[in-house]
């Protein structure tokens, strides 16, 4: 499968603020996806993937992480589009974070959604490792998204952003709510991990490199 990956990162200081943004395009014979992110945003989003439930989940991710996210995705099959959207979003965020100097690196949080509760912990260490615990859904589809594609989205996103990610779905009975709790917990964990540490300007690693 041939593919074309293009991305560019922009970083500048304006006043006392540092803007970390990226525009990333992933184009293959199966999909064409453009992602724009602003890590230091306000949680604004505009998402069109062709799958309404995935759009909703990424919008939640943006809102609660305060990362601005724009996505335009087209593909031949839904599975390909979901997977490549996750890969493009993760790659865009990785570009925006650059060498990850000065970030807090670690982030963990819980998120409830009615009867459901999820916990997510991330380490932006540039070493992809995904651990799902009890990430199970009863129905084959959650709205218009196959449950296996939802699980695959998390794994693909983890690989592309290059981080260690643990997702623990603690409990819940409604599949929509369970998925929403996971995305909200991921958003809150990322919000902490990507935050700039005012006490650190170097790479947050004892090895001196991520």
N, C-alpha and C. Protein backbone atom coordinates (compact mmCIF):
# COMPACT_ATOMS: atom_id res chain seq x y z
N UNK A 1 0.85 -1.20 0.00
CA UNK A 1 0.00 0.00 0.00
C UNK A 1 0.87 1.24 0.00
N UNK A 2 0.76 2.04 -1.03
CA UNK A 2 1.52 3.28 -1.07
C UNK A 2 0.83 4.33 -0.23
N UNK A 3 1.64 5.20 0.33
CA UNK A 3 1.05 6.25 1.14
C UNK A 3 1.93 7.48 1.10
N UNK A 4 1.31 8.62 1.33
CA UNK A 4 2.02 9.88 1.34
C UNK A 4 1.70 10.57 2.64
N UNK A 5 2.73 10.87 3.40
CA UNK A 5 2.54 11.53 4.69
C UNK A 5 3.23 12.88 4.64
N UNK A 6 2.48 13.89 4.97
CA UNK A 6 3.02 15.24 4.97
C UNK A 6 2.59 15.93 6.26
N UNK A 7 3.52 16.62 6.87
CA UNK A 7 3.18 17.37 8.07
C UNK A 7 4.11 18.55 8.24
N UNK A 8 3.65 19.54 8.93
CA UNK A 8 4.52 20.65 9.26
C UNK A 8 4.15 21.17 10.64
N UNK A 9 5.16 21.56 11.36
CA UNK A 9 4.98 22.02 12.72
C UNK A 9 5.37 23.49 12.79
N UNK A 10 4.58 24.24 13.51
CA UNK A 10 4.87 25.65 13.70
C UNK A 10 4.95 25.92 15.20
N UNK A 11 6.00 26.62 15.61
CA UNK A 11 6.16 26.95 17.02
C UNK A 11 6.68 28.37 17.13
N UNK A 12 6.03 29.17 17.90
CA UNK A 12 6.49 30.54 18.05
C UNK A 12 6.06 31.08 19.40
N UNK A 13 6.75 32.13 19.81
CA UNK A 13 6.41 32.79 21.07
C UNK A 13 5.69 34.09 20.77
N UNK A 14 4.54 34.25 21.39
CA UNK A 14 3.79 35.48 21.26
C UNK A 14 3.48 36.00 22.65
N UNK A 15 4.14 37.07 23.07
CA UNK A 15 4.01 37.52 24.44
C UNK A 15 4.66 36.50 25.35
N UNK A 16 3.89 36.00 26.31
CA UNK A 16 4.40 35.00 27.23
C UNK A 16 3.91 33.60 26.89
N UNK A 17 3.29 33.44 25.74
CA UNK A 17 2.69 32.15 25.40
C UNK A 17 3.48 31.45 24.30
N UNK A 18 3.47 30.15 24.35
CA UNK A 18 4.11 29.32 23.34
C UNK A 18 3.02 28.55 22.61
N UNK A 19 2.95 28.72 21.29
CA UNK A 19 1.94 28.04 20.51
C UNK A 19 2.55 26.80 19.87
N UNK A 20 1.89 25.67 20.04
CA UNK A 20 2.36 24.41 19.47
C UNK A 20 1.27 23.89 18.54
N UNK A 21 1.52 23.97 17.25
CA UNK A 21 0.52 23.61 16.26
C UNK A 21 1.11 22.72 15.20
N UNK A 22 0.23 22.02 14.49
CA UNK A 22 0.67 21.17 13.39
C UNK A 22 -0.45 21.02 12.38
N UNK A 23 -0.07 20.90 11.11
CA UNK A 23 -0.99 20.55 10.04
C UNK A 23 -0.43 19.28 9.41
N UNK A 24 -1.24 18.23 9.39
CA UNK A 24 -0.75 16.92 8.96
C UNK A 24 -1.72 16.31 7.95
N UNK A 25 -1.15 15.77 6.87
CA UNK A 25 -1.97 15.10 5.84
C UNK A 25 -1.48 13.68 5.65
N UNK A 26 -2.41 12.75 5.72
CA UNK A 26 -2.11 11.34 5.44
C UNK A 26 -2.93 10.94 4.23
N UNK A 27 -2.23 10.60 3.15
CA UNK A 27 -2.91 10.24 1.91
C UNK A 27 -2.41 8.89 1.43
N UNK A 28 -3.34 7.95 1.27
CA UNK A 28 -3.03 6.63 0.75
C UNK A 28 -4.02 6.31 -0.37
N UNK A 29 -3.94 5.10 -0.90
CA UNK A 29 -4.92 4.67 -1.90
C UNK A 29 -6.29 4.45 -1.27
N UNK A 30 -6.33 4.39 0.06
CA UNK A 30 -7.58 4.12 0.77
C UNK A 30 -8.19 5.34 1.42
N UNK A 31 -7.36 6.28 1.86
CA UNK A 31 -7.88 7.44 2.59
C UNK A 31 -7.12 8.71 2.25
N UNK A 32 -7.77 9.83 2.53
CA UNK A 32 -7.14 11.15 2.43
C UNK A 32 -7.61 11.95 3.64
N UNK A 33 -6.70 12.21 4.56
CA UNK A 33 -7.08 12.80 5.84
C UNK A 33 -6.17 13.98 6.15
N UNK A 34 -6.78 15.10 6.50
CA UNK A 34 -6.04 16.29 6.91
C UNK A 34 -6.43 16.63 8.34
N UNK A 35 -5.42 16.83 9.17
CA UNK A 35 -5.64 17.14 10.58
C UNK A 35 -4.87 18.41 10.94
N UNK A 36 -5.53 19.31 11.64
CA UNK A 36 -4.89 20.51 12.18
C UNK A 36 -5.10 20.49 13.69
N UNK A 37 -4.02 20.73 14.43
CA UNK A 37 -4.14 20.75 15.89
C UNK A 37 -3.41 21.96 16.47
N UNK A 38 -3.92 22.44 17.58
CA UNK A 38 -3.27 23.47 18.38
C UNK A 38 -3.30 22.98 19.82
N UNK A 39 -2.14 22.52 20.29
CA UNK A 39 -2.05 21.95 21.63
C UNK A 39 -2.44 22.98 22.69
N UNK A 40 -2.13 24.25 22.44
CA UNK A 40 -2.42 25.32 23.40
C UNK A 40 -3.70 26.06 23.02
N UNK A 41 -4.72 25.29 22.69
CA UNK A 41 -5.97 25.88 22.24
C UNK A 41 -6.98 26.08 23.35
N UNK A 42 -8.24 26.12 22.95
CA UNK A 42 -9.33 26.32 23.91
C UNK A 42 -10.39 25.23 23.81
N UNK A 43 -10.08 24.16 23.07
CA UNK A 43 -11.02 23.06 22.95
C UNK A 43 -12.01 23.21 21.82
N UNK A 44 -11.64 23.99 20.80
CA UNK A 44 -12.51 24.14 19.63
C UNK A 44 -12.27 22.99 18.67
N UNK A 45 -13.33 22.53 18.01
CA UNK A 45 -13.17 21.41 17.09
C UNK A 45 -14.11 21.53 15.90
N UNK A 46 -13.67 20.92 14.80
CA UNK A 46 -14.48 20.76 13.60
C UNK A 46 -14.04 19.44 13.00
N UNK A 47 -14.92 18.44 13.10
CA UNK A 47 -14.53 17.08 12.76
C UNK A 47 -15.52 16.46 11.79
N UNK A 48 -15.01 15.93 10.69
CA UNK A 48 -15.84 15.24 9.71
C UNK A 48 -15.09 14.00 9.22
N UNK A 49 -15.50 12.84 9.73
CA UNK A 49 -14.85 11.58 9.35
C UNK A 49 -15.78 10.66 8.57
N UNK A 50 -17.05 11.02 8.47
CA UNK A 50 -18.02 10.14 7.84
C UNK A 50 -18.66 9.17 8.80
N UNK A 51 -18.24 9.20 10.06
CA UNK A 51 -18.80 8.36 11.12
C UNK A 51 -19.23 9.26 12.26
N UNK A 52 -20.51 9.41 12.47
CA UNK A 52 -21.02 10.40 13.41
C UNK A 52 -20.54 10.16 14.84
N UNK A 53 -20.50 8.90 15.27
CA UNK A 53 -20.10 8.64 16.64
C UNK A 53 -18.62 8.97 16.86
N UNK A 54 -17.78 8.66 15.86
CA UNK A 54 -16.37 9.02 15.98
C UNK A 54 -16.19 10.53 16.02
N UNK A 55 -16.94 11.25 15.18
CA UNK A 55 -16.90 12.71 15.22
C UNK A 55 -17.21 13.21 16.63
N UNK A 56 -18.25 12.64 17.22
CA UNK A 56 -18.68 13.04 18.57
C UNK A 56 -17.58 12.78 19.59
N UNK A 57 -16.92 11.62 19.50
CA UNK A 57 -15.88 11.27 20.47
C UNK A 57 -14.65 12.18 20.33
N UNK A 58 -14.26 12.50 19.10
CA UNK A 58 -13.11 13.38 18.91
C UNK A 58 -13.43 14.80 19.35
N UNK A 59 -14.67 15.22 19.15
CA UNK A 59 -15.09 16.53 19.66
C UNK A 59 -14.99 16.58 21.19
N UNK A 60 -15.38 15.48 21.85
CA UNK A 60 -15.23 15.40 23.31
C UNK A 60 -13.76 15.47 23.70
N UNK A 61 -12.93 14.75 22.95
CA UNK A 61 -11.49 14.76 23.22
C UNK A 61 -10.94 16.18 23.14
N UNK A 62 -11.36 16.92 22.15
CA UNK A 62 -10.92 18.30 21.98
C UNK A 62 -11.42 19.19 23.12
N UNK A 63 -12.70 19.09 23.41
CA UNK A 63 -13.31 19.95 24.43
C UNK A 63 -12.62 19.82 25.78
N UNK A 64 -12.36 18.58 26.21
CA UNK A 64 -11.87 18.37 27.57
C UNK A 64 -10.35 18.35 27.67
N UNK A 65 -9.64 18.23 26.55
CA UNK A 65 -8.18 18.36 26.58
C UNK A 65 -7.75 19.80 26.35
N UNK A 66 -8.66 20.63 25.84
CA UNK A 66 -8.40 22.01 25.42
C UNK A 66 -7.46 22.07 24.22
N UNK A 67 -7.35 20.96 23.48
CA UNK A 67 -6.59 20.93 22.24
C UNK A 67 -7.55 21.22 21.08
N UNK A 68 -7.26 22.25 20.30
CA UNK A 68 -8.08 22.53 19.12
C UNK A 68 -7.79 21.47 18.07
N UNK A 69 -8.87 20.90 17.49
CA UNK A 69 -8.72 19.83 16.51
C UNK A 69 -9.63 20.07 15.32
N UNK A 70 -9.05 20.06 14.13
CA UNK A 70 -9.83 20.08 12.89
C UNK A 70 -9.46 18.83 12.09
N UNK A 71 -10.47 18.11 11.62
CA UNK A 71 -10.22 16.90 10.84
C UNK A 71 -11.17 16.84 9.65
N UNK A 72 -10.61 16.57 8.49
CA UNK A 72 -11.40 16.27 7.30
C UNK A 72 -10.88 14.94 6.76
N UNK A 73 -11.76 13.95 6.75
CA UNK A 73 -11.33 12.60 6.37
C UNK A 73 -12.27 12.00 5.34
N UNK A 74 -11.70 11.39 4.32
CA UNK A 74 -12.45 10.65 3.31
C UNK A 74 -11.74 9.32 3.09
N UNK A 75 -12.54 8.26 2.89
CA UNK A 75 -11.94 6.96 2.68
C UNK A 75 -12.86 6.01 1.95
N UNK A 76 -12.29 4.88 1.55
CA UNK A 76 -13.09 3.90 0.81
C UNK A 76 -13.96 3.06 1.75
N UNK A 77 -13.39 2.63 2.88
CA UNK A 77 -14.11 1.80 3.84
C UNK A 77 -14.04 2.44 5.22
N UNK A 78 -15.07 2.23 6.01
CA UNK A 78 -15.12 2.86 7.33
C UNK A 78 -13.94 2.44 8.20
N UNK A 79 -13.58 1.16 8.17
CA UNK A 79 -12.47 0.68 8.99
C UNK A 79 -11.18 1.42 8.65
N UNK A 80 -10.91 1.58 7.35
CA UNK A 80 -9.70 2.28 6.93
C UNK A 80 -9.72 3.73 7.39
N UNK A 81 -10.88 4.37 7.29
CA UNK A 81 -10.98 5.78 7.66
C UNK A 81 -10.80 5.98 9.15
N UNK A 82 -11.41 5.11 9.95
CA UNK A 82 -11.26 5.21 11.41
C UNK A 82 -9.80 5.02 11.81
N UNK A 83 -9.17 3.98 11.27
CA UNK A 83 -7.78 3.70 11.62
C UNK A 83 -6.87 4.84 11.20
N UNK A 84 -7.01 5.32 9.97
CA UNK A 84 -6.11 6.35 9.47
C UNK A 84 -6.38 7.70 10.11
N UNK A 85 -7.61 7.94 10.55
CA UNK A 85 -7.90 9.16 11.30
C UNK A 85 -7.14 9.14 12.62
N UNK A 86 -7.14 8.00 13.29
CA UNK A 86 -6.39 7.86 14.54
C UNK A 86 -4.90 8.07 14.31
N UNK A 87 -4.38 7.47 13.24
CA UNK A 87 -2.96 7.62 12.93
C UNK A 87 -2.60 9.07 12.60
N UNK A 88 -3.44 9.73 11.83
CA UNK A 88 -3.17 11.12 11.45
C UNK A 88 -3.28 12.07 12.64
N UNK A 89 -4.28 11.85 13.49
CA UNK A 89 -4.43 12.70 14.67
C UNK A 89 -3.25 12.52 15.62
N UNK A 90 -2.86 11.27 15.85
CA UNK A 90 -1.71 11.03 16.72
C UNK A 90 -0.43 11.63 16.16
N UNK A 91 -0.23 11.50 14.84
CA UNK A 91 0.97 12.05 14.20
C UNK A 91 0.99 13.57 14.27
N UNK A 92 -0.17 14.20 14.09
CA UNK A 92 -0.25 15.66 14.16
C UNK A 92 0.12 16.15 15.56
N UNK A 93 -0.40 15.47 16.57
CA UNK A 93 -0.08 15.87 17.95
C UNK A 93 1.39 15.64 18.27
N UNK A 94 1.94 14.54 17.76
CA UNK A 94 3.35 14.28 17.99
C UNK A 94 4.21 15.36 17.36
N UNK A 95 3.86 15.77 16.15
CA UNK A 95 4.59 16.86 15.49
C UNK A 95 4.49 18.16 16.28
N UNK A 96 3.29 18.47 16.74
CA UNK A 96 3.08 19.71 17.47
C UNK A 96 3.89 19.74 18.77
N UNK A 97 4.10 18.58 19.37
CA UNK A 97 4.86 18.52 20.61
C UNK A 97 6.37 18.56 20.40
N UNK A 98 6.81 18.37 19.15
CA UNK A 98 8.23 18.46 18.84
C UNK A 98 9.05 17.46 19.62
N UNK A 99 10.16 17.92 20.23
CA UNK A 99 11.01 17.02 21.01
C UNK A 99 10.49 16.83 22.44
N UNK A 100 9.37 17.47 22.73
CA UNK A 100 8.64 17.32 24.00
C UNK A 100 9.38 17.90 25.20
N UNK A 101 10.33 18.80 24.94
CA UNK A 101 11.01 19.48 26.03
C UNK A 101 10.03 20.35 26.80
N UNK A 102 10.17 20.34 28.10
CA UNK A 102 9.40 21.24 28.96
C UNK A 102 7.99 20.80 29.29
N UNK A 103 7.55 19.66 28.74
CA UNK A 103 6.19 19.22 29.05
C UNK A 103 6.18 18.43 30.36
N UNK A 104 5.00 18.27 30.93
CA UNK A 104 4.87 17.49 32.16
C UNK A 104 5.05 16.00 31.89
N UNK A 105 4.73 15.58 30.69
CA UNK A 105 4.95 14.21 30.21
C UNK A 105 3.92 13.20 30.70
N UNK A 106 3.65 13.17 31.97
CA UNK A 106 2.72 12.19 32.53
C UNK A 106 1.35 12.83 32.79
N UNK A 107 0.30 12.04 32.60
CA UNK A 107 -1.04 12.51 32.92
C UNK A 107 -1.96 11.35 33.18
N UNK A 108 -2.75 11.44 34.23
CA UNK A 108 -3.70 10.39 34.58
C UNK A 108 -4.97 11.03 35.11
N UNK A 109 -6.13 10.42 34.78
CA UNK A 109 -7.37 10.97 35.30
C UNK A 109 -8.52 9.99 35.13
N UNK A 110 -9.55 10.20 35.96
CA UNK A 110 -10.80 9.47 35.88
C UNK A 110 -11.84 10.35 35.20
N UNK A 111 -12.81 9.71 34.56
CA UNK A 111 -13.96 10.44 34.03
C UNK A 111 -15.21 9.57 34.16
N UNK A 112 -16.26 10.10 34.78
CA UNK A 112 -17.53 9.38 34.83
C UNK A 112 -18.43 9.83 33.69
N UNK A 113 -19.30 8.96 33.25
CA UNK A 113 -20.38 9.31 32.33
C UNK A 113 -21.60 8.54 32.77
N UNK A 114 -22.45 9.19 33.53
CA UNK A 114 -23.61 8.55 34.14
C UNK A 114 -23.17 7.30 34.92
N UNK A 115 -23.59 6.11 34.50
CA UNK A 115 -23.30 4.89 35.26
C UNK A 115 -21.91 4.32 34.97
N UNK A 116 -21.18 4.93 34.02
CA UNK A 116 -19.88 4.40 33.59
C UNK A 116 -18.74 5.22 34.19
N UNK A 117 -17.61 4.54 34.38
CA UNK A 117 -16.42 5.20 34.91
C UNK A 117 -15.19 4.62 34.22
N UNK A 118 -14.29 5.52 33.78
CA UNK A 118 -13.06 5.09 33.10
C UNK A 118 -11.87 5.82 33.69
N UNK A 119 -10.71 5.16 33.58
CA UNK A 119 -9.45 5.74 34.04
C UNK A 119 -8.43 5.61 32.91
N UNK A 120 -7.68 6.69 32.65
CA UNK A 120 -6.64 6.66 31.61
C UNK A 120 -5.36 7.26 32.18
N UNK A 121 -4.24 6.61 31.88
CA UNK A 121 -2.93 7.13 32.26
C UNK A 121 -2.03 7.12 31.03
N UNK A 122 -1.36 8.25 30.77
CA UNK A 122 -0.48 8.35 29.60
C UNK A 122 0.90 8.84 30.01
N UNK A 123 1.89 8.40 29.25
CA UNK A 123 3.27 8.84 29.39
C UNK A 123 3.76 9.17 27.98
N UNK A 124 4.01 10.45 27.71
CA UNK A 124 4.41 10.89 26.37
C UNK A 124 5.91 10.67 26.17
N UNK A 125 6.32 9.44 26.27
CA UNK A 125 7.73 9.09 26.33
C UNK A 125 8.32 8.77 24.95
N UNK A 126 7.54 8.82 23.90
CA UNK A 126 7.97 8.42 22.55
C UNK A 126 8.31 6.93 22.50
N UNK A 127 7.54 6.15 23.24
CA UNK A 127 7.68 4.70 23.21
C UNK A 127 6.28 4.11 23.25
N UNK A 128 5.71 3.77 22.09
CA UNK A 128 4.31 3.33 22.06
C UNK A 128 4.09 2.00 22.77
N UNK A 129 3.14 2.01 23.70
CA UNK A 129 2.75 0.78 24.40
C UNK A 129 1.32 0.97 24.89
N UNK A 130 0.44 0.11 24.45
CA UNK A 130 -0.99 0.27 24.74
C UNK A 130 -1.48 -0.87 25.61
N UNK A 131 -2.12 -0.53 26.72
CA UNK A 131 -2.66 -1.52 27.64
C UNK A 131 -4.14 -1.22 27.91
N UNK A 132 -5.06 -1.97 27.29
CA UNK A 132 -6.48 -1.81 27.60
C UNK A 132 -6.90 -2.83 28.66
N UNK A 133 -7.67 -2.39 29.62
CA UNK A 133 -8.17 -3.28 30.67
C UNK A 133 -9.69 -3.20 30.71
N UNK A 134 -10.33 -4.34 30.48
CA UNK A 134 -11.79 -4.43 30.50
C UNK A 134 -12.44 -3.46 29.50
N UNK A 135 -11.75 -3.22 28.39
CA UNK A 135 -12.29 -2.33 27.36
C UNK A 135 -13.24 -3.14 26.48
N UNK A 136 -14.35 -3.52 27.08
CA UNK A 136 -15.30 -4.40 26.42
C UNK A 136 -16.65 -3.69 26.23
N UNK A 137 -17.26 -3.98 25.08
CA UNK A 137 -18.57 -3.42 24.76
C UNK A 137 -19.50 -4.56 24.36
N UNK A 138 -20.76 -4.45 24.73
CA UNK A 138 -21.70 -5.56 24.52
C UNK A 138 -22.23 -5.60 23.09
N UNK A 139 -22.50 -4.45 22.53
CA UNK A 139 -23.08 -4.42 21.19
C UNK A 139 -21.99 -4.45 20.12
N UNK A 140 -22.33 -4.97 18.95
CA UNK A 140 -21.38 -4.98 17.84
C UNK A 140 -21.13 -3.58 17.30
N UNK A 141 -22.14 -2.72 17.42
CA UNK A 141 -22.02 -1.34 16.97
C UNK A 141 -22.43 -0.40 18.09
N UNK A 142 -21.68 0.69 18.22
CA UNK A 142 -22.07 1.80 19.10
C UNK A 142 -22.48 2.93 18.17
N UNK A 143 -23.75 3.17 18.09
CA UNK A 143 -24.31 4.08 17.09
C UNK A 143 -23.88 3.58 15.70
N UNK A 144 -23.06 4.36 14.97
CA UNK A 144 -22.65 3.93 13.62
C UNK A 144 -21.18 3.52 13.55
N UNK A 145 -20.61 3.14 14.69
CA UNK A 145 -19.21 2.74 14.74
C UNK A 145 -19.07 1.32 15.30
N UNK A 146 -18.39 0.45 14.56
CA UNK A 146 -18.16 -0.92 15.02
C UNK A 146 -17.30 -0.90 16.28
N UNK A 147 -17.66 -1.71 17.26
CA UNK A 147 -16.92 -1.71 18.52
C UNK A 147 -15.45 -2.06 18.31
N UNK A 148 -15.15 -2.97 17.36
CA UNK A 148 -13.76 -3.33 17.12
C UNK A 148 -12.97 -2.16 16.53
N UNK A 149 -13.66 -1.29 15.77
CA UNK A 149 -13.00 -0.11 15.23
C UNK A 149 -12.72 0.91 16.33
N UNK A 150 -13.60 0.98 17.32
CA UNK A 150 -13.38 1.89 18.44
C UNK A 150 -12.14 1.47 19.22
N UNK A 151 -12.02 0.19 19.51
CA UNK A 151 -10.85 -0.31 20.22
C UNK A 151 -9.58 -0.11 19.39
N UNK A 152 -9.71 -0.30 18.08
CA UNK A 152 -8.56 -0.13 17.18
C UNK A 152 -8.14 1.33 17.10
N UNK A 153 -9.10 2.25 17.22
CA UNK A 153 -8.79 3.68 17.20
C UNK A 153 -7.81 4.02 18.33
N UNK A 154 -8.09 3.55 19.52
CA UNK A 154 -7.22 3.86 20.66
C UNK A 154 -5.80 3.33 20.42
N UNK A 155 -5.70 2.10 19.95
CA UNK A 155 -4.38 1.50 19.73
C UNK A 155 -3.61 2.25 18.64
N UNK A 156 -4.28 2.60 17.56
CA UNK A 156 -3.62 3.31 16.45
C UNK A 156 -3.19 4.71 16.88
N UNK A 157 -4.04 5.38 17.65
CA UNK A 157 -3.71 6.71 18.16
C UNK A 157 -2.48 6.64 19.06
N UNK A 158 -2.45 5.66 19.94
CA UNK A 158 -1.32 5.47 20.85
C UNK A 158 -0.02 5.26 20.07
N UNK A 159 -0.08 4.45 19.02
CA UNK A 159 1.10 4.18 18.21
C UNK A 159 1.60 5.44 17.52
N UNK A 160 0.68 6.23 16.95
CA UNK A 160 1.07 7.39 16.15
C UNK A 160 1.57 8.55 17.01
N UNK A 161 0.95 8.78 18.16
CA UNK A 161 1.44 9.87 19.02
C UNK A 161 2.69 9.43 19.75
N UNK A 162 2.92 8.12 19.78
CA UNK A 162 4.09 7.51 20.40
C UNK A 162 4.12 7.79 21.90
N UNK A 163 3.27 7.06 22.59
CA UNK A 163 3.20 7.20 24.04
C UNK A 163 2.84 5.86 24.66
N UNK A 164 3.00 5.78 25.96
CA UNK A 164 2.46 4.67 26.71
C UNK A 164 1.07 5.07 27.19
N UNK A 165 0.08 4.21 26.93
CA UNK A 165 -1.30 4.55 27.27
C UNK A 165 -2.00 3.36 27.91
N UNK A 166 -2.51 3.57 29.10
CA UNK A 166 -3.31 2.57 29.79
C UNK A 166 -4.74 3.08 29.87
N UNK A 167 -5.68 2.30 29.38
CA UNK A 167 -7.10 2.63 29.48
C UNK A 167 -7.79 1.53 30.28
N UNK A 168 -8.42 1.93 31.36
CA UNK A 168 -9.12 0.98 32.22
C UNK A 168 -10.60 1.40 32.28
N UNK A 169 -11.46 0.59 31.67
CA UNK A 169 -12.90 0.82 31.77
C UNK A 169 -13.36 0.12 33.05
N UNK A 170 -13.60 0.88 34.07
CA UNK A 170 -13.82 0.32 35.40
C UNK A 170 -15.17 -0.38 35.50
N UNK A 171 -16.21 0.32 35.05
CA UNK A 171 -17.53 -0.30 34.99
C UNK A 171 -18.46 0.54 34.14
N UNK A 172 -19.62 -0.02 33.85
CA UNK A 172 -20.63 0.66 33.05
C UNK A 172 -21.55 -0.35 32.41
N UNK A 173 -22.73 0.09 32.00
CA UNK A 173 -23.69 -0.81 31.36
C UNK A 173 -24.12 -0.33 29.98
N UNK A 174 -24.01 0.96 29.72
CA UNK A 174 -24.40 1.53 28.43
C UNK A 174 -23.16 1.74 27.57
N UNK A 175 -23.11 1.11 26.40
CA UNK A 175 -21.91 1.17 25.58
C UNK A 175 -21.55 2.59 25.15
N UNK A 176 -22.54 3.38 24.82
CA UNK A 176 -22.28 4.78 24.46
C UNK A 176 -21.60 5.51 25.61
N UNK A 177 -22.13 5.33 26.80
CA UNK A 177 -21.57 5.99 27.97
C UNK A 177 -20.17 5.48 28.30
N UNK A 178 -19.94 4.19 28.12
CA UNK A 178 -18.63 3.62 28.41
C UNK A 178 -17.57 4.22 27.47
N UNK A 179 -17.89 4.29 26.20
CA UNK A 179 -16.96 4.88 25.24
C UNK A 179 -16.70 6.35 25.56
N UNK A 180 -17.75 7.06 25.91
CA UNK A 180 -17.61 8.48 26.21
C UNK A 180 -16.74 8.70 27.44
N UNK A 181 -16.91 7.86 28.45
CA UNK A 181 -16.08 7.97 29.65
C UNK A 181 -14.61 7.76 29.30
N UNK A 182 -14.32 6.81 28.41
CA UNK A 182 -12.93 6.55 28.01
C UNK A 182 -12.32 7.74 27.28
N UNK A 183 -13.06 8.34 26.36
CA UNK A 183 -12.54 9.48 25.63
C UNK A 183 -12.35 10.70 26.53
N UNK A 184 -13.27 10.89 27.46
CA UNK A 184 -13.13 12.03 28.37
C UNK A 184 -11.94 11.84 29.31
N UNK A 185 -11.75 10.62 29.80
CA UNK A 185 -10.60 10.36 30.66
C UNK A 185 -9.30 10.54 29.88
N UNK A 186 -9.27 10.10 28.62
CA UNK A 186 -8.10 10.31 27.78
C UNK A 186 -7.83 11.80 27.59
N UNK A 187 -8.88 12.56 27.36
CA UNK A 187 -8.73 14.01 27.18
C UNK A 187 -8.12 14.66 28.41
N UNK A 188 -8.62 14.30 29.58
CA UNK A 188 -8.12 14.90 30.83
C UNK A 188 -6.68 14.49 31.09
N UNK A 189 -6.34 13.24 30.78
CA UNK A 189 -4.96 12.78 30.96
C UNK A 189 -4.02 13.51 30.01
N UNK A 190 -4.41 13.66 28.74
CA UNK A 190 -3.59 14.37 27.77
C UNK A 190 -3.42 15.84 28.15
N UNK A 191 -4.47 16.42 28.66
CA UNK A 191 -4.40 17.84 29.07
C UNK A 191 -3.28 18.04 30.09
N UNK A 192 -3.14 17.11 31.00
CA UNK A 192 -2.08 17.20 32.00
C UNK A 192 -0.71 16.91 31.39
N UNK A 193 -0.64 15.88 30.54
CA UNK A 193 0.64 15.43 30.02
C UNK A 193 1.28 16.44 29.06
N UNK A 194 0.47 17.13 28.25
CA UNK A 194 1.03 18.06 27.26
C UNK A 194 1.30 19.44 27.85
N UNK A 195 0.83 19.68 29.07
CA UNK A 195 1.00 21.00 29.69
C UNK A 195 2.47 21.31 29.88
N UNK A 196 2.83 22.57 29.68
CA UNK A 196 4.20 23.01 29.91
C UNK A 196 4.46 23.15 31.40
N UNK A 197 5.58 22.63 31.84
CA UNK A 197 5.98 22.70 33.25
C UNK A 197 6.83 23.95 33.44
N UNK A 198 6.34 24.89 34.22
CA UNK A 198 7.03 26.16 34.39
C UNK A 198 8.39 25.99 35.08
N UNK A 199 8.62 24.84 35.68
CA UNK A 199 9.90 24.60 36.37
C UNK A 199 10.89 23.84 35.49
N UNK A 200 10.47 23.47 34.27
CA UNK A 200 11.34 22.67 33.42
C UNK A 200 11.36 23.22 31.99
N UNK A 201 12.55 23.34 31.42
CA UNK A 201 12.69 23.74 30.02
C UNK A 201 13.38 22.66 29.20
N UNK A 202 13.85 21.62 29.86
CA UNK A 202 14.57 20.56 29.18
C UNK A 202 13.67 19.34 29.00
N UNK A 203 14.23 18.30 28.39
CA UNK A 203 13.48 17.06 28.18
C UNK A 203 13.19 16.39 29.52
N UNK A 204 11.94 16.04 29.77
CA UNK A 204 11.58 15.43 31.06
C UNK A 204 11.94 13.95 31.12
N UNK A 205 13.23 13.68 31.10
CA UNK A 205 13.72 12.30 31.15
C UNK A 205 15.10 12.28 31.79
N UNK A 206 15.33 11.32 32.66
CA UNK A 206 16.66 11.17 33.29
C UNK A 206 17.72 10.80 32.27
N UNK A 207 17.30 10.27 31.12
CA UNK A 207 18.23 9.90 30.05
C UNK A 207 18.64 11.09 29.19
N UNK A 208 17.89 12.20 29.32
CA UNK A 208 18.19 13.39 28.54
C UNK A 208 17.59 13.38 27.16
N UNK A 209 16.85 12.31 26.83
CA UNK A 209 16.23 12.20 25.53
C UNK A 209 15.00 11.33 25.64
N UNK A 210 13.98 11.67 24.83
CA UNK A 210 12.76 10.85 24.81
C UNK A 210 12.88 9.80 23.71
